[in-house]
Amino acid sequence: MQPKTPKLLEDIRDAAAFIREATRGRTREDYGRDRLLRQAMERNFEVIGEAVNRLAQHDPETAGRISKHRQIVDFRNVLTHGYDLVDHRLVWSTIEEEVPVLLTEVESLLGGKRPKSH
């Protein structure tokens, strides 16, 4: 692992864990109605995407061990630059289906350590 790798992985894990916690017990309908929730999730996806992008630049081998790492960066780019193209259904399905996988992969890369409490 490169020197910056653990910090970048920790940033990814922290943002993914926040997304999981903030959406626990919420529905897609809640997400669609709650602007604050949407913006918080989008910001954390931006953090994840930027950290994955930096990881790919500094430690491509580790980045390659994150499934869909390229799609994560692309998703971040849409959220950041294509704000008018954001599909709330896609974001919600990403929260439900992709974030748990990402969190598991990143925890494994960090040696199985559990996320810090918020």
PDB file of N, CA and C in Angstrom:
ATOM      1  N   MET A   1       0.830  -1.185   0.000  1.00  0.00           N
ATOM      2  CA  MET A   1       0.000   0.000   0.000  1.00  0.00           C
ATOM      3  C   MET A   1       0.875   1.249   0.000  1.00  0.00           C
ATOM      4  N   GLN A   2       0.462   2.212  -0.770  1.00  0.00           N
ATOM      5  CA  GLN A   2       1.146   3.499  -0.803  1.00  0.00           C
ATOM      6  C   GLN A   2       0.829   4.284   0.474  1.00  0.00           C
ATOM      7  N   PRO A   3       1.672   5.251   0.839  1.00  0.00           N
ATOM      8  CA  PRO A   3       1.474   5.983   2.098  1.00  0.00           C
ATOM      9  C   PRO A   3       0.108   6.668   2.242  1.00  0.00           C
ATOM     10  N   LYS A   4      -0.438   7.213   1.164  1.00  0.00           N
ATOM     11  CA  LYS A   4      -1.731   7.915   1.235  1.00  0.00           C
ATOM     12  C   LYS A   4      -2.926   6.964   1.241  1.00  0.00           C
ATOM     13  N   THR A   5      -2.701   5.709   0.911  1.00  0.00           N
ATOM     14  CA  THR A   5      -3.795   4.763   0.726  1.00  0.00           C
ATOM     15  C   THR A   5      -4.680   4.607   1.954  1.00  0.00           C
ATOM     16  N   PRO A   6      -4.138   4.361   3.161  1.00  0.00           N
ATOM     17  CA  PRO A   6      -5.024   4.186   4.316  1.00  0.00           C
ATOM     18  C   PRO A   6      -5.933   5.390   4.576  1.00  0.00           C
ATOM     19  N   LYS A   7      -5.417   6.599   4.416  1.00  0.00           N
ATOM     20  CA  LYS A   7      -6.231   7.799   4.632  1.00  0.00           C
ATOM     21  C   LYS A   7      -7.349   7.882   3.609  1.00  0.00           C
ATOM     22  N   LEU A   8      -7.047   7.608   2.357  1.00  0.00           N
ATOM     23  CA  LEU A   8      -8.082   7.647   1.324  1.00  0.00           C
ATOM     24  C   LEU A   8      -9.136   6.577   1.570  1.00  0.00           C
ATOM     25  N   LEU A   9      -8.706   5.379   1.935  1.00  0.00           N
ATOM     26  CA  LEU A   9      -9.665   4.307   2.244  1.00  0.00           C
ATOM     27  C   LEU A   9     -10.523   4.679   3.447  1.00  0.00           C
ATOM     28  N   GLU A  10      -9.918   5.308   4.432  1.00  0.00           N
ATOM     29  CA  GLU A  10     -10.678   5.736   5.616  1.00  0.00           C
ATOM     30  C   GLU A  10     -11.710   6.801   5.242  1.00  0.00           C
ATOM     31  N   ASP A  11     -11.351   7.705   4.348  1.00  0.00           N
ATOM     32  CA  ASP A  11     -12.304   8.722   3.886  1.00  0.00           C
ATOM     33  C   ASP A  11     -13.481   8.067   3.166  1.00  0.00           C
ATOM     34  N   ILE A  12     -13.199   7.078   2.347  1.00  0.00           N
ATOM     35  CA  ILE A  12     -14.255   6.349   1.636  1.00  0.00           C
ATOM     36  C   ILE A  12     -15.149   5.640   2.646  1.00  0.00           C
ATOM     37  N   ARG A  13     -14.532   4.945   3.576  1.00  0.00           N
ATOM     38  CA  ARG A  13     -15.302   4.204   4.577  1.00  0.00           C
ATOM     39  C   ARG A  13     -16.168   5.147   5.410  1.00  0.00           C
ATOM     40  N   ASP A  14     -15.609   6.258   5.828  1.00  0.00           N
ATOM     41  CA  ASP A  14     -16.356   7.208   6.650  1.00  0.00           C
ATOM     42  C   ASP A  14     -17.582   7.736   5.911  1.00  0.00           C
ATOM     43  N   ALA A  15     -17.408   8.133   4.657  1.00  0.00           N
ATOM     44  CA  ALA A  15     -18.532   8.666   3.878  1.00  0.00           C
ATOM     45  C   ALA A  15     -19.573   7.588   3.604  1.00  0.00           C
ATOM     46  N   ALA A  16     -19.133   6.381   3.287  1.00  0.00           N
ATOM     47  CA  ALA A  16     -20.073   5.282   3.028  1.00  0.00           C
ATOM     48  C   ALA A  16     -20.838   4.916   4.296  1.00  0.00           C
ATOM     49  N   ALA A  17     -20.147   4.884   5.423  1.00  0.00           N
ATOM     50  CA  ALA A  17     -20.807   4.568   6.695  1.00  0.00           C
ATOM     51  C   ALA A  17     -21.820   5.659   7.052  1.00  0.00           C
ATOM     52  N   PHE A  18     -21.474   6.916   6.772  1.00  0.00           N
ATOM     53  CA  PHE A  18     -22.414   8.008   7.014  1.00  0.00           C
ATOM     54  C   PHE A  18     -23.670   7.841   6.164  1.00  0.00           C
ATOM     55  N   ILE A  19     -23.490   7.506   4.896  1.00  0.00           N
ATOM     56  CA  ILE A  19     -24.637   7.299   4.006  1.00  0.00           C
ATOM     57  C   ILE A  19     -25.533   6.201   4.562  1.00  0.00           C
ATOM     58  N   ARG A  20     -24.931   5.091   4.964  1.00  0.00           N
ATOM     59  CA  ARG A  20     -25.722   3.980   5.522  1.00  0.00           C
ATOM     60  C   ARG A  20     -26.501   4.420   6.759  1.00  0.00           C
ATOM     61  N   GLU A  21     -25.824   5.117   7.652  1.00  0.00           N
ATOM     62  CA  GLU A  21     -26.467   5.534   8.901  1.00  0.00           C
ATOM     63  C   GLU A  21     -27.567   6.564   8.651  1.00  0.00           C
ATOM     64  N   ALA A  22     -27.311   7.532   7.806  1.00  0.00           N
ATOM     65  CA  ALA A  22     -28.269   8.610   7.562  1.00  0.00           C
ATOM     66  C   ALA A  22     -29.515   8.139   6.820  1.00  0.00           C
ATOM     67  N   THR A  23     -29.411   7.030   6.104  1.00  0.00           N
ATOM     68  CA  THR A  23     -30.564   6.536   5.341  1.00  0.00           C
ATOM     69  C   THR A  23     -31.250   5.346   6.000  1.00  0.00           C
ATOM     70  N   ARG A  24     -30.723   4.882   7.118  1.00  0.00           N
ATOM     71  CA  ARG A  24     -31.341   3.756   7.830  1.00  0.00           C
ATOM     72  C   ARG A  24     -32.774   4.118   8.207  1.00  0.00           C
ATOM     73  N   GLY A  25     -33.704   3.262   7.824  1.00  0.00           N
ATOM     74  CA  GLY A  25     -35.109   3.480   8.135  1.00  0.00           C
ATOM     75  C   GLY A  25     -35.802   4.477   7.219  1.00  0.00           C
ATOM     76  N   ARG A  26     -35.104   4.985   6.227  1.00  0.00           N
ATOM     77  CA  ARG A  26     -35.686   5.931   5.279  1.00  0.00           C
ATOM     78  C   ARG A  26     -36.078   5.192   4.005  1.00  0.00           C
ATOM     79  N   THR A  27     -36.950   5.801   3.234  1.00  0.00           N
ATOM     80  CA  THR A  27     -37.402   5.227   1.969  1.00  0.00           C
ATOM     81  C   THR A  27     -36.992   6.129   0.815  1.00  0.00           C
ATOM     82  N   ARG A  28     -37.148   5.607  -0.386  1.00  0.00           N
ATOM     83  CA  ARG A  28     -36.865   6.413  -1.574  1.00  0.00           C
ATOM     84  C   ARG A  28     -37.772   7.641  -1.609  1.00  0.00           C
ATOM     85  N   GLU A  29     -38.992   7.473  -1.154  1.00  0.00           N
ATOM     86  CA  GLU A  29     -39.928   8.603  -1.108  1.00  0.00           C
ATOM     87  C   GLU A  29     -39.433   9.667  -0.127  1.00  0.00           C
ATOM     88  N   ASP A  30     -38.928   9.234   1.035  1.00  0.00           N
ATOM     89  CA  ASP A  30     -38.340  10.185   1.986  1.00  0.00           C
ATOM     90  C   ASP A  30     -37.204  10.944   1.314  1.00  0.00           C
ATOM     91  N   TYR A  31     -36.375  10.207   0.617  1.00  0.00           N
ATOM     92  CA  TYR A  31     -35.224  10.798  -0.062  1.00  0.00           C
ATOM     93  C   TYR A  31     -35.684  11.846  -1.078  1.00  0.00           C
ATOM     94  N   GLY A  32     -36.702  11.519  -1.845  1.00  0.00           N
ATOM     95  CA  GLY A  32     -37.202  12.448  -2.859  1.00  0.00           C
ATOM     96  C   GLY A  32     -37.794  13.713  -2.277  1.00  0.00           C
ATOM     97  N   ARG A  33     -38.356  13.625  -1.079  1.00  0.00           N
ATOM     98  CA  ARG A  33     -38.997  14.783  -0.443  1.00  0.00           C
ATOM     99  C   ARG A  33     -38.034  15.638   0.380  1.00  0.00           C
ATOM    100  N   ASP A  34     -36.912  15.069   0.794  1.00  0.00           N
ATOM    101  CA  ASP A  34     -36.039  15.722   1.766  1.00  0.00           C
ATOM    102  C   ASP A  34     -34.780  16.272   1.093  1.00  0.00           C
ATOM    103  N   ARG A  35     -34.805  17.547   0.775  1.00  0.00           N
ATOM    104  CA  ARG A  35     -33.673  18.173   0.083  1.00  0.00           C
ATOM    105  C   ARG A  35     -32.380  18.083   0.898  1.00  0.00           C
ATOM    106  N   LEU A  36     -32.486  18.278   2.182  1.00  0.00           N
ATOM    107  CA  LEU A  36     -31.301  18.207   3.030  1.00  0.00           C
ATOM    108  C   LEU A  36     -30.673  16.813   2.986  1.00  0.00           C
ATOM    109  N   LEU A  37     -31.495  15.784   3.042  1.00  0.00           N
ATOM    110  CA  LEU A  37     -31.000  14.407   2.953  1.00  0.00           C
ATOM    111  C   LEU A  37     -30.338  14.170   1.596  1.00  0.00           C
ATOM    112  N   ARG A  38     -30.993  14.608   0.523  1.00  0.00           N
ATOM    113  CA  ARG A  38     -30.423  14.421  -0.817  1.00  0.00           C
ATOM    114  C   ARG A  38     -29.071  15.099  -0.932  1.00  0.00           C
ATOM    115  N   GLN A  39     -28.986  16.323  -0.482  1.00  0.00           N
ATOM    116  CA  GLN A  39     -27.728  17.045  -0.609  1.00  0.00           C
ATOM    117  C   GLN A  39     -26.633  16.442   0.260  1.00  0.00           C
ATOM    118  N   ALA A  40     -26.998  15.949   1.429  1.00  0.00           N
ATOM    119  CA  ALA A  40     -26.002  15.288   2.287  1.00  0.00           C
ATOM    120  C   ALA A  40     -25.489  14.016   1.619  1.00  0.00           C
ATOM    121  N   MET A  41     -26.383  13.245   1.015  1.00  0.00           N
ATOM    122  CA  MET A  41     -25.950  12.014   0.354  1.00  0.00           C
ATOM    123  C   MET A  41     -25.087  12.332  -0.855  1.00  0.00           C
ATOM    124  N   GLU A  42     -25.510  13.311  -1.646  1.00  0.00           N
ATOM    125  CA  GLU A  42     -24.724  13.675  -2.825  1.00  0.00           C
ATOM    126  C   GLU A  42     -23.332  14.146  -2.420  1.00  0.00           C
ATOM    127  N   ARG A  43     -23.230  14.936  -1.369  1.00  0.00           N
ATOM    128  CA  ARG A  43     -21.913  15.406  -0.912  1.00  0.00           C
ATOM    129  C   ARG A  43     -21.031  14.236  -0.511  1.00  0.00           C
ATOM    130  N   ASN A  44     -21.594  13.260   0.198  1.00  0.00           N
ATOM    131  CA  ASN A  44     -20.791  12.117   0.611  1.00  0.00           C
ATOM    132  C   ASN A  44     -20.413  11.237  -0.569  1.00  0.00           C
ATOM    133  N   PHE A  45     -21.276  11.138  -1.571  1.00  0.00           N
ATOM    134  CA  PHE A  45     -20.893  10.426  -2.797  1.00  0.00           C
ATOM    135  C   PHE A  45     -19.774  11.172  -3.527  1.00  0.00           C
ATOM    136  N   GLU A  46     -19.799  12.497  -3.485  1.00  0.00           N
ATOM    137  CA  GLU A  46     -18.719  13.263  -4.088  1.00  0.00           C
ATOM    138  C   GLU A  46     -17.399  12.982  -3.374  1.00  0.00           C
ATOM    139  N   VAL A  47     -17.428  12.924  -2.039  1.00  0.00           N
ATOM    140  CA  VAL A  47     -16.225  12.607  -1.267  1.00  0.00           C
ATOM    141  C   VAL A  47     -15.717  11.220  -1.638  1.00  0.00           C
ATOM    142  N   ILE A  48     -16.619  10.253  -1.690  1.00  0.00           N
ATOM    143  CA  ILE A  48     -16.231   8.886  -2.056  1.00  0.00           C
ATOM    144  C   ILE A  48     -15.586   8.873  -3.436  1.00  0.00           C
ATOM    145  N   GLY A  49     -16.235   9.509  -4.399  1.00  0.00           N
ATOM    146  CA  GLY A  49     -15.716   9.514  -5.764  1.00  0.00           C
ATOM    147  C   GLY A  49     -14.372  10.193  -5.884  1.00  0.00           C
ATOM    148  N   GLU A  50     -14.196  11.294  -5.178  1.00  0.00           N
ATOM    149  CA  GLU A  50     -12.912  11.997  -5.234  1.00  0.00           C
ATOM    150  C   GLU A  50     -11.822  11.168  -4.564  1.00  0.00           C
ATOM    151  N   ALA A  51     -12.142  10.538  -3.437  1.00  0.00           N
ATOM    152  CA  ALA A  51     -11.150   9.696  -2.754  1.00  0.00           C
ATOM    153  C   ALA A  51     -10.779   8.491  -3.616  1.00  0.00           C
ATOM    154  N   VAL A  52     -11.751   7.896  -4.289  1.00  0.00           N
ATOM    155  CA  VAL A  52     -11.455   6.766  -5.182  1.00  0.00           C
ATOM    156  C   VAL A  52     -10.605   7.245  -6.352  1.00  0.00           C
ATOM    157  N   ASN A  53     -10.908   8.410  -6.885  1.00  0.00           N
ATOM    158  CA  ASN A  53     -10.118   8.970  -7.984  1.00  0.00           C
ATOM    159  C   ASN A  53      -8.667   9.191  -7.551  1.00  0.00           C
ATOM    160  N   ARG A  54      -8.470   9.776  -6.385  1.00  0.00           N
ATOM    161  CA  ARG A  54      -7.111   9.989  -5.878  1.00  0.00           C
ATOM    162  C   ARG A  54      -6.412   8.662  -5.608  1.00  0.00           C
ATOM    163  N   LEU A  55      -7.168   7.698  -5.086  1.00  0.00           N
ATOM    164  CA  LEU A  55      -6.604   6.371  -4.837  1.00  0.00           C
ATOM    165  C   LEU A  55      -6.122   5.753  -6.148  1.00  0.00           C
ATOM    166  N   ALA A  56      -6.911   5.889  -7.193  1.00  0.00           N
ATOM    167  CA  ALA A  56      -6.544   5.333  -8.499  1.00  0.00           C
ATOM    168  C   ALA A  56      -5.267   5.987  -9.035  1.00  0.00           C
ATOM    169  N   GLN A  57      -5.071   7.253  -8.724  1.00  0.00           N
ATOM    170  CA  GLN A  57      -3.866   7.951  -9.172  1.00  0.00           C
ATOM    171  C   GLN A  57      -2.644   7.539  -8.356  1.00  0.00           C
ATOM    172  N   HIS A  58      -2.818   7.396  -7.039  1.00  0.00           N
ATOM    173  CA  HIS A  58      -1.688   7.130  -6.146  1.00  0.00           C
ATOM    174  C   HIS A  58      -1.398   5.648  -5.932  1.00  0.00           C
ATOM    175  N   ASP A  59      -2.427   4.828  -6.028  1.00  0.00           N
ATOM    176  CA  ASP A  59      -2.273   3.399  -5.757  1.00  0.00           C
ATOM    177  C   ASP A  59      -3.253   2.617  -6.630  1.00  0.00           C
ATOM    178  N   PRO A  60      -2.981   2.546  -7.945  1.00  0.00           N
ATOM    179  CA  PRO A  60      -3.905   1.892  -8.863  1.00  0.00           C
ATOM    180  C   PRO A  60      -4.195   0.430  -8.504  1.00  0.00           C
ATOM    181  N   GLU A  61      -3.218  -0.249  -7.925  1.00  0.00           N
ATOM    182  CA  GLU A  61      -3.425  -1.647  -7.562  1.00  0.00           C
ATOM    183  C   GLU A  61      -4.528  -1.781  -6.513  1.00  0.00           C
ATOM    184  N   THR A  62      -4.478  -0.959  -5.489  1.00  0.00           N
ATOM    185  CA  THR A  62      -5.519  -1.012  -4.458  1.00  0.00           C
ATOM    186  C   THR A  62      -6.850  -0.540  -5.007  1.00  0.00           C
ATOM    187  N   ALA A  63      -6.846   0.521  -5.799  1.00  0.00           N
ATOM    188  CA  ALA A  63      -8.094   1.004  -6.408  1.00  0.00           C
ATOM    189  C   ALA A  63      -8.742  -0.097  -7.241  1.00  0.00           C
ATOM    190  N   GLY A  64      -7.926  -0.876  -7.922  1.00  0.00           N
ATOM    191  CA  GLY A  64      -8.432  -1.969  -8.741  1.00  0.00           C
ATOM    192  C   GLY A  64      -9.102  -3.076  -7.944  1.00  0.00           C
ATOM    193  N   ARG A  65      -8.859  -3.093  -6.657  1.00  0.00           N
ATOM    194  CA  ARG A  65      -9.493  -4.092  -5.795  1.00  0.00           C
ATOM    195  C   ARG A  65     -10.873  -3.641  -5.307  1.00  0.00           C
ATOM    196  N   ILE A  66     -11.261  -2.439  -5.679  1.00  0.00           N
ATOM    197  CA  ILE A  66     -12.605  -1.944  -5.381  1.00  0.00           C
ATOM    198  C   ILE A  66     -13.445  -2.149  -6.633  1.00  0.00           C
ATOM    199  N   SER A  67     -14.432  -3.027  -6.525  1.00  0.00           N
ATOM    200  CA  SER A  67     -15.268  -3.267  -7.698  1.00  0.00           C
ATOM    201  C   SER A  67     -15.969  -1.962  -8.082  1.00  0.00           C
ATOM    202  N   LYS A  68     -16.091  -1.756  -9.336  1.00  0.00           N
ATOM    203  CA  LYS A  68     -16.765  -0.585  -9.890  1.00  0.00           C
ATOM    204  C   LYS A  68     -16.062   0.725  -9.543  1.00  0.00           C
ATOM    205  N   HIS A  69     -14.751   0.684  -9.311  1.00  0.00           N
ATOM    206  CA  HIS A  69     -14.067   1.924  -8.940  1.00  0.00           C
ATOM    207  C   HIS A  69     -14.182   2.993 -10.033  1.00  0.00           C
ATOM    208  N   ARG A  70     -14.162   2.592 -11.276  1.00  0.00           N
ATOM    209  CA  ARG A  70     -14.307   3.573 -12.364  1.00  0.00           C
ATOM    210  C   ARG A  70     -15.718   4.172 -12.366  1.00  0.00           C
ATOM    211  N   GLN A  71     -16.734   3.337 -12.140  1.00  0.00           N
ATOM    212  CA  GLN A  71     -18.113   3.829 -12.105  1.00  0.00           C
ATOM    213  C   GLN A  71     -18.341   4.773 -10.928  1.00  0.00           C
ATOM    214  N   ILE A  72     -17.633   4.539  -9.828  1.00  0.00           N
ATOM    215  CA  ILE A  72     -17.749   5.413  -8.660  1.00  0.00           C
ATOM    216  C   ILE A  72     -17.266   6.819  -9.020  1.00  0.00           C
ATOM    217  N   VAL A  73     -16.147   6.899  -9.706  1.00  0.00           N
ATOM    218  CA  VAL A  73     -15.617   8.200 -10.121  1.00  0.00           C
ATOM    219  C   VAL A  73     -16.573   8.855 -11.124  1.00  0.00           C
ATOM    220  N   ASP A  74     -17.085   8.074 -12.058  1.00  0.00           N
ATOM    221  CA  ASP A  74     -18.030   8.616 -13.038  1.00  0.00           C
ATOM    222  C   ASP A  74     -19.294   9.147 -12.355  1.00  0.00           C
ATOM    223  N   PHE A  75     -19.791   8.433 -11.350  1.00  0.00           N
ATOM    224  CA  PHE A  75     -20.975   8.847 -10.604  1.00  0.00           C
ATOM    225  C   PHE A  75     -20.701  10.176  -9.907  1.00  0.00           C
ATOM    226  N   ARG A  76     -19.526  10.300  -9.309  1.00  0.00           N
ATOM    227  CA  ARG A  76     -19.132  11.556  -8.662  1.00  0.00           C
ATOM    228  C   ARG A  76     -19.131  12.690  -9.668  1.00  0.00           C
ATOM    229  N   ASN A  77     -18.629  12.431 -10.868  1.00  0.00           N
ATOM    230  CA  ASN A  77     -18.573  13.478 -11.883  1.00  0.00           C
ATOM    231  C   ASN A  77     -19.966  13.939 -12.297  1.00  0.00           C
ATOM    232  N   VAL A  78     -20.898  13.017 -12.409  1.00  0.00           N
ATOM    233  CA  VAL A  78     -22.282  13.393 -12.735  1.00  0.00           C
ATOM    234  C   VAL A  78     -22.864  14.234 -11.611  1.00  0.00           C
ATOM    235  N   LEU A  79     -22.671  13.804 -10.363  1.00  0.00           N
ATOM    236  CA  LEU A  79     -23.218  14.565  -9.238  1.00  0.00           C
ATOM    237  C   LEU A  79     -22.626  15.972  -9.172  1.00  0.00           C
ATOM    238  N   THR A  80     -21.348  16.089  -9.473  1.00  0.00           N
ATOM    239  CA  THR A  80     -20.666  17.368  -9.364  1.00  0.00           C
ATOM    240  C   THR A  80     -20.940  18.281 -10.554  1.00  0.00           C
ATOM    241  N   HIS A  81     -20.852  17.739 -11.749  1.00  0.00           N
ATOM    242  CA  HIS A  81     -20.916  18.572 -12.948  1.00  0.00           C
ATOM    243  C   HIS A  81     -22.240  18.481 -13.687  1.00  0.00           C
ATOM    244  N   GLY A  82     -22.998  17.438 -13.427  1.00  0.00           N
ATOM    245  CA  GLY A  82     -24.271  17.264 -14.123  1.00  0.00           C
ATOM    246  C   GLY A  82     -25.430  17.287 -13.155  1.00  0.00           C
ATOM    247  N   TYR A  83     -25.370  18.228 -12.217  1.00  0.00           N
ATOM    248  CA  TYR A  83     -26.369  18.291 -11.155  1.00  0.00           C
ATOM    249  C   TYR A  83     -27.803  18.241 -11.683  1.00  0.00           C
ATOM    250  N   ASP A  84     -28.017  18.765 -12.879  1.00  0.00           N
ATOM    251  CA  ASP A  84     -29.357  18.777 -13.453  1.00  0.00           C
ATOM    252  C   ASP A  84     -29.741  17.429 -14.061  1.00  0.00           C
ATOM    253  N   LEU A  85     -28.795  16.493 -14.096  1.00  0.00           N
ATOM    254  CA  LEU A  85     -29.055  15.171 -14.667  1.00  0.00           C
ATOM    255  C   LEU A  85     -29.252  14.093 -13.601  1.00  0.00           C
ATOM    256  N   VAL A  86     -29.164  14.474 -12.326  1.00  0.00           N
ATOM    257  CA  VAL A  86     -29.221  13.501 -11.238  1.00  0.00           C
ATOM    258  C   VAL A  86     -30.610  12.869 -11.172  1.00  0.00           C
ATOM    259  N   ASP A  87     -30.628  11.555 -11.199  1.00  0.00           N
ATOM    260  CA  ASP A  87     -31.862  10.771 -11.092  1.00  0.00           C
ATOM    261  C   ASP A  87     -31.942  10.240  -9.664  1.00  0.00           C
ATOM    262  N   HIS A  88     -32.932  10.712  -8.908  1.00  0.00           N
ATOM    263  CA  HIS A  88     -33.050  10.329  -7.502  1.00  0.00           C
ATOM    264  C   HIS A  88     -33.226   8.819  -7.332  1.00  0.00           C
ATOM    265  N   ARG A  89     -33.879   8.182  -8.285  1.00  0.00           N
ATOM    266  CA  ARG A  89     -34.039   6.721  -8.199  1.00  0.00           C
ATOM    267  C   ARG A  89     -32.695   6.019  -8.308  1.00  0.00           C
ATOM    268  N   LEU A  90     -31.823   6.519  -9.176  1.00  0.00           N
ATOM    269  CA  LEU A  90     -30.494   5.936  -9.328  1.00  0.00           C
ATOM    270  C   LEU A  90     -29.668   6.143  -8.059  1.00  0.00           C
ATOM    271  N   VAL A  91     -29.731   7.334  -7.501  1.00  0.00           N
ATOM    272  CA  VAL A  91     -28.983   7.595  -6.270  1.00  0.00           C
ATOM    273  C   VAL A  91     -29.474   6.669  -5.164  1.00  0.00           C
ATOM    274  N   TRP A  92     -30.797   6.544  -5.033  1.00  0.00           N
ATOM    275  CA  TRP A  92     -31.337   5.685  -3.972  1.00  0.00           C
ATOM    276  C   TRP A  92     -30.949   4.224  -4.189  1.00  0.00           C
ATOM    277  N   SER A  93     -31.010   3.736  -5.412  1.00  0.00           N
ATOM    278  CA  SER A  93     -30.621   2.343  -5.650  1.00  0.00           C
ATOM    279  C   SER A  93     -29.125   2.153  -5.371  1.00  0.00           C
ATOM    280  N   THR A  94     -28.325   3.175  -5.626  1.00  0.00           N
ATOM    281  CA  THR A  94     -26.896   3.106  -5.305  1.00  0.00           C
ATOM    282  C   THR A  94     -26.712   3.019  -3.793  1.00  0.00           C
ATOM    283  N   ILE A  95     -27.485   3.783  -3.057  1.00  0.00           N
ATOM    284  CA  ILE A  95     -27.434   3.734  -1.587  1.00  0.00           C
ATOM    285  C   ILE A  95     -27.764   2.329  -1.103  1.00  0.00           C
ATOM    286  N   GLU A  96     -28.812   1.756  -1.639  1.00  0.00           N
ATOM    287  CA  GLU A  96     -29.272   0.442  -1.167  1.00  0.00           C
ATOM    288  C   GLU A  96     -28.396  -0.713  -1.643  1.00  0.00           C
ATOM    289  N   GLU A  97     -27.919  -0.659  -2.881  1.00  0.00           N
ATOM    290  CA  GLU A  97     -27.250  -1.816  -3.474  1.00  0.00           C
ATOM    291  C   GLU A  97     -25.728  -1.722  -3.506  1.00  0.00           C
ATOM    292  N   GLU A  98     -25.193  -0.556  -3.773  1.00  0.00           N
ATOM    293  CA  GLU A  98     -23.755  -0.432  -3.997  1.00  0.00           C
ATOM    294  C   GLU A  98     -22.965  -0.013  -2.755  1.00  0.00           C
ATOM    295  N   VAL A  99     -23.544   0.835  -1.927  1.00  0.00           N
ATOM    296  CA  VAL A  99     -22.816   1.322  -0.749  1.00  0.00           C
ATOM    297  C   VAL A  99     -22.459   0.177   0.202  1.00  0.00           C
ATOM    298  N   PRO A 100     -23.363  -0.764   0.497  1.00  0.00           N
ATOM    299  CA  PRO A 100     -22.960  -1.869   1.379  1.00  0.00           C
ATOM    300  C   PRO A 100     -21.784  -2.675   0.825  1.00  0.00           C
ATOM    301  N   VAL A 101     -21.760  -2.904  -0.472  1.00  0.00           N
ATOM    302  CA  VAL A 101     -20.659  -3.637  -1.104  1.00  0.00           C
ATOM    303  C   VAL A 101     -19.366  -2.847  -0.972  1.00  0.00           C
ATOM    304  N   LEU A 102     -19.429  -1.562  -1.275  1.00  0.00           N
ATOM    305  CA  LEU A 102     -18.246  -0.708  -1.169  1.00  0.00           C
ATOM    306  C   LEU A 102     -17.714  -0.703   0.263  1.00  0.00           C
ATOM    307  N   LEU A 103     -18.594  -0.575   1.221  1.00  0.00           N
ATOM    308  CA  LEU A 103     -18.179  -0.539   2.616  1.00  0.00           C
ATOM    309  C   LEU A 103     -17.479  -1.836   3.012  1.00  0.00           C
ATOM    310  N   THR A 104     -18.008  -2.961   2.590  1.00  0.00           N
ATOM    311  CA  THR A 104     -17.391  -4.254   2.880  1.00  0.00           C
ATOM    312  C   THR A 104     -16.012  -4.357   2.234  1.00  0.00           C
ATOM    313  N   GLU A 105     -15.906  -3.941   0.978  1.00  0.00           N
ATOM    314  CA  GLU A 105     -14.622  -4.011   0.277  1.00  0.00           C
ATOM    315  C   GLU A 105     -13.571  -3.128   0.940  1.00  0.00           C
ATOM    316  N   VAL A 106     -13.957  -1.919   1.303  1.00  0.00           N
ATOM    317  CA  VAL A 106     -13.004  -0.984   1.899  1.00  0.00           C
ATOM    318  C   VAL A 106     -12.582  -1.460   3.284  1.00  0.00           C
ATOM    319  N   GLU A 107     -13.518  -1.982   4.053  1.00  0.00           N
ATOM    320  CA  GLU A 107     -13.163  -2.523   5.369  1.00  0.00           C
ATOM    321  C   GLU A 107     -12.187  -3.680   5.222  1.00  0.00           C
ATOM    322  N   SER A 108     -12.385  -4.495   4.224  1.00  0.00           N
ATOM    323  CA  SER A 108     -11.464  -5.598   3.971  1.00  0.00           C
ATOM    324  C   SER A 108     -10.067  -5.072   3.624  1.00  0.00           C
ATOM    325  N   LEU A 109     -10.010  -4.056   2.786  1.00  0.00           N
ATOM    326  CA  LEU A 109      -8.722  -3.468   2.411  1.00  0.00           C
ATOM    327  C   LEU A 109      -8.019  -2.830   3.610  1.00  0.00           C
ATOM    328  N   LEU A 110      -8.792  -2.354   4.550  1.00  0.00           N
ATOM    329  CA  LEU A 110      -8.231  -1.754   5.760  1.00  0.00           C
ATOM    330  C   LEU A 110      -7.956  -2.793   6.840  1.00  0.00           C
ATOM    331  N   GLY A 111      -8.134  -4.039   6.518  1.00  0.00           N
ATOM    332  CA  GLY A 111      -7.840  -5.104   7.482  1.00  0.00           C
ATOM    333  C   GLY A 111      -9.003  -5.481   8.362  1.00  0.00           C
ATOM    334  N   GLY A 112     -10.216  -5.179   7.910  1.00  0.00           N
ATOM    335  CA  GLY A 112     -11.400  -5.597   8.653  1.00  0.00           C
ATOM    336  C   GLY A 112     -11.740  -4.757   9.854  1.00  0.00           C
ATOM    337  N   LYS A 113     -11.032  -3.629  10.041  1.00  0.00           N
ATOM    338  CA  LYS A 113     -11.341  -2.761  11.163  1.00  0.00           C
ATOM    339  C   LYS A 113     -12.722  -2.148  10.966  1.00  0.00           C
ATOM    340  N   ARG A 114     -13.469  -2.051  12.028  1.00  0.00           N
ATOM    341  CA  ARG A 114     -14.816  -1.479  11.960  1.00  0.00           C
ATOM    342  C   ARG A 114     -14.729   0.040  11.860  1.00  0.00           C
ATOM    343  N   PRO A 115     -15.756   0.656  11.244  1.00  0.00           N
ATOM    344  CA  PRO A 115     -15.747   2.114  11.142  1.00  0.00           C
ATOM    345  C   PRO A 115     -15.836   2.764  12.508  1.00  0.00           C
ATOM    346  N   LYS A 116     -15.275   3.974  12.588  1.00  0.00           N
ATOM    347  CA  LYS A 116     -15.362   4.760  13.811  1.00  0.00           C
ATOM    348  C   LYS A 116     -16.799   5.198  14.025  1.00  0.00           C
ATOM    349  N   SER A 117     -17.192   5.368  15.276  1.00  0.00           N
ATOM    350  CA  SER A 117     -18.518   5.887  15.600  1.00  0.00           C
ATOM    351  C   SER A 117     -18.572   7.365  15.272  1.00  0.00           C
ATOM    352  N   HIS A 118     -19.768   7.816  14.892  1.00  0.00           N
ATOM    353  CA  HIS A 118     -19.944   9.240  14.568  1.00  0.00           C
ATOM    354  C   HIS A 118     -20.595   9.941  15.724  1.00  0.00           C
TER     355      HIS A 118
END
